Amino acid sequence: MEELLTESARSITTVIEAMAVLIVAFAAAEAFFRVVLLAFHKPSEAAGRAIYVRFLRWLVAGLTFQLAADIVHTAADASWQQLGQVAAVAAIRAFTSFFLERDLREAAEEVHRAAAKE
């Protein structure tokens, strides 16, 4: 039974990690193409900021999926060393997500103010 749980957790972890990679890859490609398109039009700071805000939202989603994968992996292989590593990774991701969310809030407010002026 334990072996089945461990093998299932590995498979689930792989799927969730793949989802996270796809989210980040999609976000990066979308942001890149939007920036390239913006370069051929009259670029405005508000338009650039909107691209940045959208990109940050996707990155936060990717980080969340990565953390979920780590939690599933640890649930099946709960050694103290593994728990310590996941705790460290979770702390780093929480710290990163906190600052991404703060930047996201500030950027969204700037986009909203710029849209109100237009």
PDB file of N, CA and C in Angstrom:
ATOM      1  N   MET A   1       0.821  -1.195   0.000  1.00  0.00           N
ATOM      2  CA  MET A   1       0.000   0.000   0.000  1.00  0.00           C
ATOM      3  C   MET A   1       0.869   1.264   0.000  1.00  0.00           C
ATOM      4  N   GLU A   2       1.900   1.246   0.842  1.00  0.00           N
ATOM      5  CA  GLU A   2       2.799   2.398   0.925  1.00  0.00           C
ATOM      6  C   GLU A   2       3.528   2.622  -0.401  1.00  0.00           C
ATOM      7  N   GLU A   3       3.899   1.530  -1.039  1.00  0.00           N
ATOM      8  CA  GLU A   3       4.583   1.623  -2.330  1.00  0.00           C
ATOM      9  C   GLU A   3       3.659   2.226  -3.389  1.00  0.00           C
ATOM     10  N   LEU A   4       2.394   1.856  -3.347  1.00  0.00           N
ATOM     11  CA  LEU A   4       1.414   2.403  -4.286  1.00  0.00           C
ATOM     12  C   LEU A   4       1.238   3.909  -4.061  1.00  0.00           C
ATOM     13  N   LEU A   5       1.182   4.311  -2.789  1.00  0.00           N
ATOM     14  CA  LEU A   5       1.058   5.726  -2.463  1.00  0.00           C
ATOM     15  C   LEU A   5       2.269   6.507  -2.958  1.00  0.00           C
ATOM     16  N   THR A   6       3.461   5.980  -2.727  1.00  0.00           N
ATOM     17  CA  THR A   6       4.693   6.645  -3.161  1.00  0.00           C
ATOM     18  C   THR A   6       4.733   6.781  -4.681  1.00  0.00           C
ATOM     19  N   GLU A   7       4.391   5.717  -5.377  1.00  0.00           N
ATOM     20  CA  GLU A   7       4.407   5.755  -6.846  1.00  0.00           C
ATOM     21  C   GLU A   7       3.344   6.713  -7.381  1.00  0.00           C
ATOM     22  N   SER A   8       2.171   6.714  -6.771  1.00  0.00           N
ATOM     23  CA  SER A   8       1.105   7.640  -7.178  1.00  0.00           C
ATOM     24  C   SER A   8       1.529   9.086  -6.950  1.00  0.00           C
ATOM     25  N   ALA A   9       2.140   9.350  -5.817  1.00  0.00           N
ATOM     26  CA  ALA A   9       2.595  10.712  -5.505  1.00  0.00           C
ATOM     27  C   ALA A   9       3.648  11.173  -6.508  1.00  0.00           C
ATOM     28  N   ARG A  10       4.541  10.275  -6.907  1.00  0.00           N
ATOM     29  CA  ARG A  10       5.556  10.641  -7.914  1.00  0.00           C
ATOM     30  C   ARG A  10       4.900  11.013  -9.231  1.00  0.00           C
ATOM     31  N   SER A  11       3.925  10.233  -9.637  1.00  0.00           N
ATOM     32  CA  SER A  11       3.221  10.515 -10.898  1.00  0.00           C
ATOM     33  C   SER A  11       2.465  11.838 -10.814  1.00  0.00           C
ATOM     34  N   ILE A  12       1.779  12.036  -9.717  1.00  0.00           N
ATOM     35  CA  ILE A  12       1.025  13.281  -9.529  1.00  0.00           C
ATOM     36  C   ILE A  12       1.966  14.475  -9.492  1.00  0.00           C
ATOM     37  N   THR A  13       3.085  14.327  -8.797  1.00  0.00           N
ATOM     38  CA  THR A  13       4.087  15.393  -8.720  1.00  0.00           C
ATOM     39  C   THR A  13       4.596  15.759 -10.103  1.00  0.00           C
ATOM     40  N   THR A  14       4.879  14.761 -10.913  1.00  0.00           N
ATOM     41  CA  THR A  14       5.363  15.012 -12.270  1.00  0.00           C
ATOM     42  C   THR A  14       4.333  15.786 -13.086  1.00  0.00           C
ATOM     43  N   VAL A  15       3.087  15.406 -12.978  1.00  0.00           N
ATOM     44  CA  VAL A  15       2.019  16.086 -13.717  1.00  0.00           C
ATOM     45  C   VAL A  15       1.888  17.543 -13.259  1.00  0.00           C
ATOM     46  N   ILE A  16       1.889  17.764 -11.950  1.00  0.00           N
ATOM     47  CA  ILE A  16       1.748  19.123 -11.429  1.00  0.00           C
ATOM     48  C   ILE A  16       2.959  19.976 -11.806  1.00  0.00           C
ATOM     49  N   GLU A  17       4.157  19.399 -11.739  1.00  0.00           N
ATOM     50  CA  GLU A  17       5.350  20.145 -12.154  1.00  0.00           C
ATOM     51  C   GLU A  17       5.283  20.502 -13.637  1.00  0.00           C
ATOM     52  N   ALA A  18       4.778  19.592 -14.452  1.00  0.00           N
ATOM     53  CA  ALA A  18       4.616  19.877 -15.882  1.00  0.00           C
ATOM     54  C   ALA A  18       3.624  21.028 -16.082  1.00  0.00           C
ATOM     55  N   MET A  19       2.552  21.032 -15.295  1.00  0.00           N
ATOM     56  CA  MET A  19       1.588  22.131 -15.378  1.00  0.00           C
ATOM     57  C   MET A  19       2.259  23.462 -15.054  1.00  0.00           C
ATOM     58  N   ALA A  20       3.070  23.465 -14.002  1.00  0.00           N
ATOM     59  CA  ALA A  20       3.764  24.696 -13.606  1.00  0.00           C
ATOM     60  C   ALA A  20       4.694  25.179 -14.712  1.00  0.00           C
ATOM     61  N   VAL A  21       5.421  24.263 -15.317  1.00  0.00           N
ATOM     62  CA  VAL A  21       6.333  24.622 -16.403  1.00  0.00           C
ATOM     63  C   VAL A  21       5.545  25.195 -17.579  1.00  0.00           C
ATOM     64  N   LEU A  22       4.426  24.570 -17.916  1.00  0.00           N
ATOM     65  CA  LEU A  22       3.599  25.063 -19.021  1.00  0.00           C
ATOM     66  C   LEU A  22       3.047  26.457 -18.735  1.00  0.00           C
ATOM     67  N   ILE A  23       2.628  26.676 -17.508  1.00  0.00           N
ATOM     68  CA  ILE A  23       2.112  27.998 -17.131  1.00  0.00           C
ATOM     69  C   ILE A  23       3.187  29.059 -17.302  1.00  0.00           C
ATOM     70  N   VAL A  24       4.374  28.794 -16.783  1.00  0.00           N
ATOM     71  CA  VAL A  24       5.461  29.780 -16.877  1.00  0.00           C
ATOM     72  C   VAL A  24       5.909  29.969 -18.327  1.00  0.00           C
ATOM     73  N   ALA A  25       5.994  28.878 -19.074  1.00  0.00           N
ATOM     74  CA  ALA A  25       6.387  28.981 -20.485  1.00  0.00           C
ATOM     75  C   ALA A  25       5.354  29.786 -21.275  1.00  0.00           C
ATOM     76  N   PHE A  26       4.078  29.508 -21.051  1.00  0.00           N
ATOM     77  CA  PHE A  26       3.022  30.268 -21.725  1.00  0.00           C
ATOM     78  C   PHE A  26       3.114  31.743 -21.362  1.00  0.00           C
ATOM     79  N   ALA A  27       3.286  32.025 -20.083  1.00  0.00           N
ATOM     80  CA  ALA A  27       3.353  33.416 -19.618  1.00  0.00           C
ATOM     81  C   ALA A  27       4.525  34.148 -20.254  1.00  0.00           C
ATOM     82  N   ALA A  28       5.671  33.505 -20.288  1.00  0.00           N
ATOM     83  CA  ALA A  28       6.855  34.138 -20.871  1.00  0.00           C
ATOM     84  C   ALA A  28       6.664  34.390 -22.361  1.00  0.00           C
ATOM     85  N   ALA A  29       6.131  33.409 -23.076  1.00  0.00           N
ATOM     86  CA  ALA A  29       5.913  33.570 -24.519  1.00  0.00           C
ATOM     87  C   ALA A  29       4.893  34.679 -24.786  1.00  0.00           C
ATOM     88  N   GLU A  30       3.797  34.671 -24.030  1.00  0.00           N
ATOM     89  CA  GLU A  30       2.777  35.697 -24.218  1.00  0.00           C
ATOM     90  C   GLU A  30       3.338  37.088 -23.945  1.00  0.00           C
ATOM     91  N   ALA A  31       4.064  37.238 -22.839  1.00  0.00           N
ATOM     92  CA  ALA A  31       4.644  38.540 -22.502  1.00  0.00           C
ATOM     93  C   ALA A  31       5.636  38.983 -23.578  1.00  0.00           C
ATOM     94  N   PHE A  32       6.441  38.058 -24.059  1.00  0.00           N
ATOM     95  CA  PHE A  32       7.412  38.380 -25.106  1.00  0.00           C
ATOM     96  C   PHE A  32       6.706  38.905 -26.359  1.00  0.00           C
ATOM     97  N   PHE A  33       5.698  38.179 -26.823  1.00  0.00           N
ATOM     98  CA  PHE A  33       4.999  38.597 -28.038  1.00  0.00           C
ATOM     99  C   PHE A  33       4.248  39.907 -27.851  1.00  0.00           C
ATOM    100  N   ARG A  34       3.687  40.116 -26.676  1.00  0.00           N
ATOM    101  CA  ARG A  34       3.009  41.389 -26.413  1.00  0.00           C
ATOM    102  C   ARG A  34       3.997  42.553 -26.412  1.00  0.00           C
ATOM    103  N   VAL A  35       5.176  42.342 -25.854  1.00  0.00           N
ATOM    104  CA  VAL A  35       6.197  43.394 -25.843  1.00  0.00           C
ATOM    105  C   VAL A  35       6.678  43.679 -27.262  1.00  0.00           C
ATOM    106  N   VAL A  36       6.880  42.635 -28.053  1.00  0.00           N
ATOM    107  CA  VAL A  36       7.292  42.826 -29.448  1.00  0.00           C
ATOM    108  C   VAL A  36       6.221  43.606 -30.210  1.00  0.00           C
ATOM    109  N   LEU A  37       4.955  43.224 -30.055  1.00  0.00           N
ATOM    110  CA  LEU A  37       3.871  43.953 -30.721  1.00  0.00           C
ATOM    111  C   LEU A  37       3.806  45.402 -30.253  1.00  0.00           C
ATOM    112  N   LEU A  38       4.022  45.604 -28.977  1.00  0.00           N
ATOM    113  CA  LEU A  38       3.986  46.954 -28.421  1.00  0.00           C
ATOM    114  C   LEU A  38       5.096  47.815 -29.023  1.00  0.00           C
ATOM    115  N   ALA A  39       6.225  47.203 -29.318  1.00  0.00           N
ATOM    116  CA  ALA A  39       7.349  47.946 -29.888  1.00  0.00           C
ATOM    117  C   ALA A  39       7.016  48.501 -31.271  1.00  0.00           C
ATOM    118  N   PHE A  40       6.104  47.854 -31.996  1.00  0.00           N
ATOM    119  CA  PHE A  40       5.727  48.310 -33.329  1.00  0.00           C
ATOM    120  C   PHE A  40       4.591  49.331 -33.309  1.00  0.00           C
ATOM    121  N   HIS A  41       4.016  49.555 -32.156  1.00  0.00           N
ATOM    122  CA  HIS A  41       2.974  50.558 -31.998  1.00  0.00           C
ATOM    123  C   HIS A  41       3.545  51.686 -31.153  1.00  0.00           C
ATOM    124  N   LYS A  42       2.750  52.662 -30.911  1.00  0.00           N
ATOM    125  CA  LYS A  42       3.204  53.754 -30.059  1.00  0.00           C
ATOM    126  C   LYS A  42       3.200  53.257 -28.605  1.00  0.00           C
ATOM    127  N   PRO A  43       4.385  52.910 -28.097  1.00  0.00           N
ATOM    128  CA  PRO A  43       4.410  52.326 -26.747  1.00  0.00           C
ATOM    129  C   PRO A  43       4.030  53.350 -25.676  1.00  0.00           C
ATOM    130  N   SER A  44       3.236  52.912 -24.755  1.00  0.00           N
ATOM    131  CA  SER A  44       2.908  53.745 -23.599  1.00  0.00           C
ATOM    132  C   SER A  44       3.323  52.991 -22.348  1.00  0.00           C
ATOM    133  N   GLU A  45       3.597  53.739 -21.332  1.00  0.00           N
ATOM    134  CA  GLU A  45       3.998  53.101 -20.080  1.00  0.00           C
ATOM    135  C   GLU A  45       2.861  52.266 -19.507  1.00  0.00           C
ATOM    136  N   ALA A  46       1.633  52.732 -19.679  1.00  0.00           N
ATOM    137  CA  ALA A  46       0.475  51.986 -19.172  1.00  0.00           C
ATOM    138  C   ALA A  46       0.341  50.641 -19.876  1.00  0.00           C
ATOM    139  N   ALA A  47       0.582  50.615 -21.187  1.00  0.00           N
ATOM    140  CA  ALA A  47       0.481  49.352 -21.929  1.00  0.00           C
ATOM    141  C   ALA A  47       1.579  48.388 -21.485  1.00  0.00           C
ATOM    142  N   GLY A  48       2.769  48.909 -21.305  1.00  0.00           N
ATOM    143  CA  GLY A  48       3.866  48.067 -20.822  1.00  0.00           C
ATOM    144  C   GLY A  48       3.604  47.543 -19.430  1.00  0.00           C
ATOM    145  N   ARG A  49       3.040  48.384 -18.594  1.00  0.00           N
ATOM    146  CA  ARG A  49       2.720  47.984 -17.223  1.00  0.00           C
ATOM    147  C   ARG A  49       1.633  46.915 -17.216  1.00  0.00           C
ATOM    148  N   ALA A  50       0.675  47.020 -18.117  1.00  0.00           N
ATOM    149  CA  ALA A  50      -0.392  46.020 -18.209  1.00  0.00           C
ATOM    150  C   ALA A  50       0.185  44.651 -18.583  1.00  0.00           C
ATOM    151  N   ILE A  51       1.154  44.641 -19.486  1.00  0.00           N
ATOM    152  CA  ILE A  51       1.822  43.383 -19.860  1.00  0.00           C
ATOM    153  C   ILE A  51       2.540  42.801 -18.642  1.00  0.00           C
ATOM    154  N   TYR A  52       3.215  43.661 -17.900  1.00  0.00           N
ATOM    155  CA  TYR A  52       3.943  43.238 -16.708  1.00  0.00           C
ATOM    156  C   TYR A  52       2.989  42.653 -15.661  1.00  0.00           C
ATOM    157  N   VAL A  53       1.855  43.305 -15.448  1.00  0.00           N
ATOM    158  CA  VAL A  53       0.872  42.833 -14.463  1.00  0.00           C
ATOM    159  C   VAL A  53       0.351  41.452 -14.846  1.00  0.00           C
ATOM    160  N   ARG A  54       0.016  41.279 -16.122  1.00  0.00           N
ATOM    161  CA  ARG A  54      -0.491  39.981 -16.579  1.00  0.00           C
ATOM    162  C   ARG A  54       0.570  38.898 -16.412  1.00  0.00           C
ATOM    163  N   PHE A  55       1.807  39.228 -16.746  1.00  0.00           N
ATOM    164  CA  PHE A  55       2.904  38.280 -16.611  1.00  0.00           C
ATOM    165  C   PHE A  55       3.099  37.881 -15.153  1.00  0.00           C
ATOM    166  N   LEU A  56       3.049  38.840 -14.255  1.00  0.00           N
ATOM    167  CA  LEU A  56       3.196  38.536 -12.822  1.00  0.00           C
ATOM    168  C   LEU A  56       2.100  37.615 -12.315  1.00  0.00           C
ATOM    169  N   ARG A  57       0.884  37.831 -12.781  1.00  0.00           N
ATOM    170  CA  ARG A  57      -0.224  36.962 -12.350  1.00  0.00           C
ATOM    171  C   ARG A  57       0.048  35.513 -12.734  1.00  0.00           C
ATOM    172  N   TRP A  58       0.528  35.309 -13.943  1.00  0.00           N
ATOM    173  CA  TRP A  58       0.844  33.954 -14.387  1.00  0.00           C
ATOM    174  C   TRP A  58       2.002  33.368 -13.582  1.00  0.00           C
ATOM    175  N   LEU A  59       3.011  34.185 -13.276  1.00  0.00           N
ATOM    176  CA  LEU A  59       4.140  33.676 -12.488  1.00  0.00           C
ATOM    177  C   LEU A  59       3.714  33.244 -11.093  1.00  0.00           C
ATOM    178  N   VAL A  60       2.840  34.016 -10.474  1.00  0.00           N
ATOM    179  CA  VAL A  60       2.330  33.632  -9.154  1.00  0.00           C
ATOM    180  C   VAL A  60       1.581  32.306  -9.251  1.00  0.00           C
ATOM    181  N   ALA A  61       0.814  32.117 -10.309  1.00  0.00           N
ATOM    182  CA  ALA A  61       0.118  30.840 -10.505  1.00  0.00           C
ATOM    183  C   ALA A  61       1.123  29.705 -10.671  1.00  0.00           C
ATOM    184  N   GLY A  62       2.167  29.924 -11.445  1.00  0.00           N
ATOM    185  CA  GLY A  62       3.198  28.902 -11.630  1.00  0.00           C
ATOM    186  C   GLY A  62       3.881  28.538 -10.323  1.00  0.00           C
ATOM    187  N   LEU A  63       4.194  29.542  -9.520  1.00  0.00           N
ATOM    188  CA  LEU A  63       4.803  29.281  -8.206  1.00  0.00           C
ATOM    189  C   LEU A  63       3.874  28.462  -7.318  1.00  0.00           C
ATOM    190  N   THR A  64       2.606  28.746  -7.383  1.00  0.00           N
ATOM    191  CA  THR A  64       1.637  28.016  -6.569  1.00  0.00           C
ATOM    192  C   THR A  64       1.581  26.547  -6.981  1.00  0.00           C
ATOM    193  N   PHE A  65       1.606  26.280  -8.275  1.00  0.00           N
ATOM    194  CA  PHE A  65       1.606  24.895  -8.750  1.00  0.00           C
ATOM    195  C   PHE A  65       2.898  24.180  -8.327  1.00  0.00           C
ATOM    196  N   GLN A  66       4.023  24.869  -8.396  1.00  0.00           N
ATOM    197  CA  GLN A  66       5.286  24.260  -7.971  1.00  0.00           C
ATOM    198  C   GLN A  66       5.244  23.884  -6.494  1.00  0.00           C
ATOM    199  N   LEU A  67       4.713  24.768  -5.682  1.00  0.00           N
ATOM    200  CA  LEU A  67       4.601  24.476  -4.255  1.00  0.00           C
ATOM    201  C   LEU A  67       3.665  23.292  -4.021  1.00  0.00           C
ATOM    202  N   ALA A  68       2.584  23.216  -4.766  1.00  0.00           N
ATOM    203  CA  ALA A  68       1.661  22.071  -4.649  1.00  0.00           C
ATOM    204  C   ALA A  68       2.377  20.771  -4.982  1.00  0.00           C
ATOM    205  N   ALA A  69       3.195  20.786  -6.022  1.00  0.00           N
ATOM    206  CA  ALA A  69       3.949  19.587  -6.394  1.00  0.00           C
ATOM    207  C   ALA A  69       4.897  19.176  -5.276  1.00  0.00           C
ATOM    208  N   ASP A  70       5.549  20.146  -4.659  1.00  0.00           N
ATOM    209  CA  ASP A  70       6.462  19.840  -3.551  1.00  0.00           C
ATOM    210  C   ASP A  70       5.715  19.243  -2.365  1.00  0.00           C
ATOM    211  N   ILE A  71       4.540  19.750  -2.088  1.00  0.00           N
ATOM    212  CA  ILE A  71       3.750  19.233  -0.963  1.00  0.00           C
ATOM    213  C   ILE A  71       3.320  17.794  -1.229  1.00  0.00           C
ATOM    214  N   VAL A  72       2.862  17.507  -2.446  1.00  0.00           N
ATOM    215  CA  VAL A  72       2.450  16.135  -2.781  1.00  0.00           C
ATOM    216  C   VAL A  72       3.646  15.189  -2.675  1.00  0.00           C
ATOM    217  N   HIS A  73       4.780  15.630  -3.179  1.00  0.00           N
ATOM    218  CA  HIS A  73       5.986  14.791  -3.130  1.00  0.00           C
ATOM    219  C   HIS A  73       6.385  14.493  -1.680  1.00  0.00           C
ATOM    220  N   THR A  74       6.320  15.490  -0.843  1.00  0.00           N
ATOM    221  CA  THR A  74       6.707  15.321   0.557  1.00  0.00           C
ATOM    222  C   THR A  74       5.716  14.443   1.311  1.00  0.00           C
ATOM    223  N   ALA A  75       4.452  14.506   0.933  1.00  0.00           N
ATOM    224  CA  ALA A  75       3.442  13.690   1.612  1.00  0.00           C
ATOM    225  C   ALA A  75       3.755  12.205   1.479  1.00  0.00           C
ATOM    226  N   ALA A  76       4.372  11.824   0.369  1.00  0.00           N
ATOM    227  CA  ALA A  76       4.684  10.412   0.143  1.00  0.00           C
ATOM    228  C   ALA A  76       6.051  10.030   0.694  1.00  0.00           C
ATOM    229  N   ASP A  77       6.937  10.990   0.813  1.00  0.00           N
ATOM    230  CA  ASP A  77       8.310  10.712   1.255  1.00  0.00           C
ATOM    231  C   ASP A  77       8.660  11.693   2.369  1.00  0.00           C
ATOM    232  N   ALA A  78       8.103  11.458   3.540  1.00  0.00           N
ATOM    233  CA  ALA A  78       8.165  12.433   4.628  1.00  0.00           C
ATOM    234  C   ALA A  78       9.338  12.214   5.585  1.00  0.00           C
ATOM    235  N   SER A  79      10.546  12.208   5.067  1.00  0.00           N
ATOM    236  CA  SER A  79      11.711  12.170   5.957  1.00  0.00           C
ATOM    237  C   SER A  79      11.929  13.582   6.507  1.00  0.00           C
ATOM    238  N   TRP A  80      12.654  13.681   7.613  1.00  0.00           N
ATOM    239  CA  TRP A  80      12.914  14.990   8.200  1.00  0.00           C
ATOM    240  C   TRP A  80      13.715  15.870   7.250  1.00  0.00           C
ATOM    241  N   GLN A  81      14.634  15.264   6.539  1.00  0.00           N
ATOM    242  CA  GLN A  81      15.433  16.027   5.577  1.00  0.00           C
ATOM    243  C   GLN A  81      14.525  16.576   4.463  1.00  0.00           C
ATOM    244  N   GLN A  82      13.642  15.724   3.957  1.00  0.00           N
ATOM    245  CA  GLN A  82      12.715  16.148   2.904  1.00  0.00           C
ATOM    246  C   GLN A  82      11.790  17.251   3.405  1.00  0.00           C
ATOM    247  N   LEU A  83      11.281  17.092   4.633  1.00  0.00           N
ATOM    248  CA  LEU A  83      10.410  18.123   5.210  1.00  0.00           C
ATOM    249  C   LEU A  83      11.145  19.448   5.356  1.00  0.00           C
ATOM    250  N   GLY A  84      12.400  19.392   5.778  1.00  0.00           N
ATOM    251  CA  GLY A  84      13.208  20.607   5.906  1.00  0.00           C
ATOM    252  C   GLY A  84      13.438  21.287   4.568  1.00  0.00           C
ATOM    253  N   GLN A  85      13.692  20.483   3.540  1.00  0.00           N
ATOM    254  CA  GLN A  85      13.900  21.050   2.208  1.00  0.00           C
ATOM    255  C   GLN A  85      12.620  21.705   1.691  1.00  0.00           C
ATOM    256  N   VAL A  86      11.490  21.040   1.875  1.00  0.00           N
ATOM    257  CA  VAL A  86      10.220  21.611   1.417  1.00  0.00           C
ATOM    258  C   VAL A  86       9.895  22.882   2.197  1.00  0.00           C
ATOM    259  N   ALA A  87      10.170  22.865   3.501  1.00  0.00           N
ATOM    260  CA  ALA A  87       9.924  24.071   4.300  1.00  0.00           C
ATOM    261  C   ALA A  87      10.769  25.231   3.799  1.00  0.00           C
ATOM    262  N   ALA A  88      12.023  24.966   3.466  1.00  0.00           N
ATOM    263  CA  ALA A  88      12.898  26.023   2.936  1.00  0.00           C
ATOM    264  C   ALA A  88      12.392  26.527   1.584  1.00  0.00           C
ATOM    265  N   VAL A  89      12.024  25.596   0.717  1.00  0.00           N
ATOM    266  CA  VAL A  89      11.510  25.979  -0.600  1.00  0.00           C
ATOM    267  C   VAL A  89      10.203  26.752  -0.447  1.00  0.00           C
ATOM    268  N   ALA A  90       9.328  26.298   0.436  1.00  0.00           N
ATOM    269  CA  ALA A  90       8.051  26.984   0.656  1.00  0.00           C
ATOM    270  C   ALA A  90       8.285  28.394   1.183  1.00  0.00           C
ATOM    271  N   ALA A  91       9.245  28.560   2.071  1.00  0.00           N
ATOM    272  CA  ALA A  91       9.551  29.889   2.605  1.00  0.00           C
ATOM    273  C   ALA A  91      10.073  30.807   1.496  1.00  0.00           C
ATOM    274  N   ILE A  92      10.954  30.290   0.666  1.00  0.00           N
ATOM    275  CA  ILE A  92      11.487  31.088  -0.437  1.00  0.00           C
ATOM    276  C   ILE A  92      10.373  31.464  -1.405  1.00  0.00           C
ATOM    277  N   ARG A  93       9.522  30.504  -1.731  1.00  0.00           N
ATOM    278  CA  ARG A  93       8.420  30.787  -2.659  1.00  0.00           C
ATOM    279  C   ARG A  93       7.408  31.747  -2.039  1.00  0.00           C
ATOM    280  N   ALA A  94       7.144  31.607  -0.746  1.00  0.00           N
ATOM    281  CA  ALA A  94       6.221  32.524  -0.081  1.00  0.00           C
ATOM    282  C   ALA A  94       6.787  33.941  -0.100  1.00  0.00           C
ATOM    283  N   PHE A  95       8.080  34.059   0.168  1.00  0.00           N
ATOM    284  CA  PHE A  95       8.758  35.349   0.143  1.00  0.00           C
ATOM    285  C   PHE A  95       8.668  35.955  -1.258  1.00  0.00           C
ATOM    286  N   THR A  96       8.953  35.149  -2.265  1.00  0.00           N
ATOM    287  CA  THR A  96       8.896  35.610  -3.654  1.00  0.00           C
ATOM    288  C   THR A  96       7.466  35.985  -4.036  1.00  0.00           C
ATOM    289  N   SER A  97       6.515  35.150  -3.673  1.00  0.00           N
ATOM    290  CA  SER A  97       5.109  35.435  -3.990  1.00  0.00           C
ATOM    291  C   SER A  97       4.640  36.719  -3.310  1.00  0.00           C
ATOM    292  N   PHE A  98       5.086  36.940  -2.083  1.00  0.00           N
ATOM    293  CA  PHE A  98       4.708  38.164  -1.366  1.00  0.00           C
ATOM    294  C   PHE A  98       5.130  39.393  -2.158  1.00  0.00           C
ATOM    295  N   PHE A  99       6.380  39.422  -2.598  1.00  0.00           N
ATOM    296  CA  PHE A  99       6.862  40.580  -3.333  1.00  0.00           C
ATOM    297  C   PHE A  99       6.255  40.665  -4.731  1.00  0.00           C
ATOM    298  N   LEU A 100       6.011  39.526  -5.371  1.00  0.00           N
ATOM    299  CA  LEU A 100       5.327  39.553  -6.659  1.00  0.00           C
ATOM    300  C   LEU A 100       3.918  40.109  -6.501  1.00  0.00           C
ATOM    301  N   GLU A 101       3.206  39.678  -5.468  1.00  0.00           N
ATOM    302  CA  GLU A 101       1.849  40.173  -5.221  1.00  0.00           C
ATOM    303  C   GLU A 101       1.866  41.679  -4.936  1.00  0.00           C
ATOM    304  N   ARG A 102       2.850  42.138  -4.176  1.00  0.00           N
ATOM    305  CA  ARG A 102       2.949  43.571  -3.890  1.00  0.00           C
ATOM    306  C   ARG A 102       3.197  44.358  -5.178  1.00  0.00           C
ATOM    307  N   ASP A 103       4.138  43.874  -5.998  1.00  0.00           N
ATOM    308  CA  ASP A 103       4.398  44.525  -7.279  1.00  0.00           C
ATOM    309  C   ASP A 103       3.158  44.495  -8.159  1.00  0.00           C
ATOM    310  N   LEU A 104       2.456  43.395  -8.132  1.00  0.00           N
ATOM    311  CA  LEU A 104       1.236  43.238  -8.920  1.00  0.00           C
ATOM    312  C   LEU A 104       0.184  44.254  -8.499  1.00  0.00           C
ATOM    313  N   ARG A 105       0.001  44.417  -7.197  1.00  0.00           N
ATOM    314  CA  ARG A 105      -0.971  45.392  -6.681  1.00  0.00           C
ATOM    315  C   ARG A 105      -0.596  46.812  -7.108  1.00  0.00           C
ATOM    316  N   GLU A 106       0.687  47.156  -6.935  1.00  0.00           N
ATOM    317  CA  GLU A 106       1.143  48.494  -7.299  1.00  0.00           C
ATOM    318  C   GLU A 106       1.000  48.737  -8.798  1.00  0.00           C
ATOM    319  N   ALA A 107       1.355  47.743  -9.600  1.00  0.00           N
ATOM    320  CA  ALA A 107       1.258  47.891 -11.049  1.00  0.00           C
ATOM    321  C   ALA A 107      -0.197  48.009 -11.476  1.00  0.00           C
ATOM    322  N   ALA A 108      -1.078  47.227 -10.874  1.00  0.00           N
ATOM    323  CA  ALA A 108      -2.502  47.289 -11.214  1.00  0.00           C
ATOM    324  C   ALA A 108      -3.075  48.663 -10.860  1.00  0.00           C
ATOM    325  N   GLU A 109      -2.655  49.214  -9.743  1.00  0.00           N
ATOM    326  CA  GLU A 109      -3.108  50.553  -9.356  1.00  0.00           C
ATOM    327  C   GLU A 109      -2.631  51.592 -10.363  1.00  0.00           C
ATOM    328  N   GLU A 110      -1.385  51.465 -10.827  1.00  0.00           N
ATOM    329  CA  GLU A 110      -0.855  52.394 -11.824  1.00  0.00           C
ATOM    330  C   GLU A 110      -1.626  52.281 -13.137  1.00  0.00           C
ATOM    331  N   VAL A 111      -1.925  51.050 -13.552  1.00  0.00           N
ATOM    332  CA  VAL A 111      -2.693  50.849 -14.783  1.00  0.00           C
ATOM    333  C   VAL A 111      -4.077  51.463 -14.633  1.00  0.00           C
ATOM    334  N   HIS A 112      -4.693  51.277 -13.478  1.00  0.00           N
ATOM    335  CA  HIS A 112      -6.025  51.826 -13.225  1.00  0.00           C
ATOM    336  C   HIS A 112      -5.987  53.360 -13.257  1.00  0.00           C
ATOM    337  N   ARG A 113      -4.968  53.961 -12.636  1.00  0.00           N
ATOM    338  CA  ARG A 113      -4.848  55.421 -12.645  1.00  0.00           C
ATOM    339  C   ARG A 113      -4.619  55.939 -14.058  1.00  0.00           C
ATOM    340  N   ALA A 114      -3.762  55.244 -14.817  1.00  0.00           N
ATOM    341  CA  ALA A 114      -3.486  55.667 -16.195  1.00  0.00           C
ATOM    342  C   ALA A 114      -4.733  55.560 -17.064  1.00  0.00           C
ATOM    343  N   ALA A 115      -5.529  54.517 -16.866  1.00  0.00           N
ATOM    344  CA  ALA A 115      -6.758  54.344 -17.639  1.00  0.00           C
ATOM    345  C   ALA A 115      -7.774  55.423 -17.278  1.00  0.00           C
ATOM    346  N   ALA A 116      -7.791  55.827 -16.020  1.00  0.00           N
ATOM    347  CA  ALA A 116      -8.730  56.864 -15.576  1.00  0.00           C
ATOM    348  C   ALA A 116      -8.373  58.217 -16.175  1.00  0.00           C
ATOM    349  N   LYS A 117      -7.084  58.463 -16.417  1.00  0.00           N
ATOM    350  CA  LYS A 117      -6.642  59.732 -17.005  1.00  0.00           C
ATOM    351  C   LYS A 117      -6.991  59.813 -18.481  1.00  0.00           C
ATOM    352  N   GLU A 118      -7.061  58.665 -19.154  1.00  0.00           N
ATOM    353  CA  GLU A 118      -7.306  58.660 -20.606  1.00  0.00           C
ATOM    354  C   GLU A 118      -8.723  58.850 -20.938  1.00  0.00           C
TER     355      GLU A 118
END
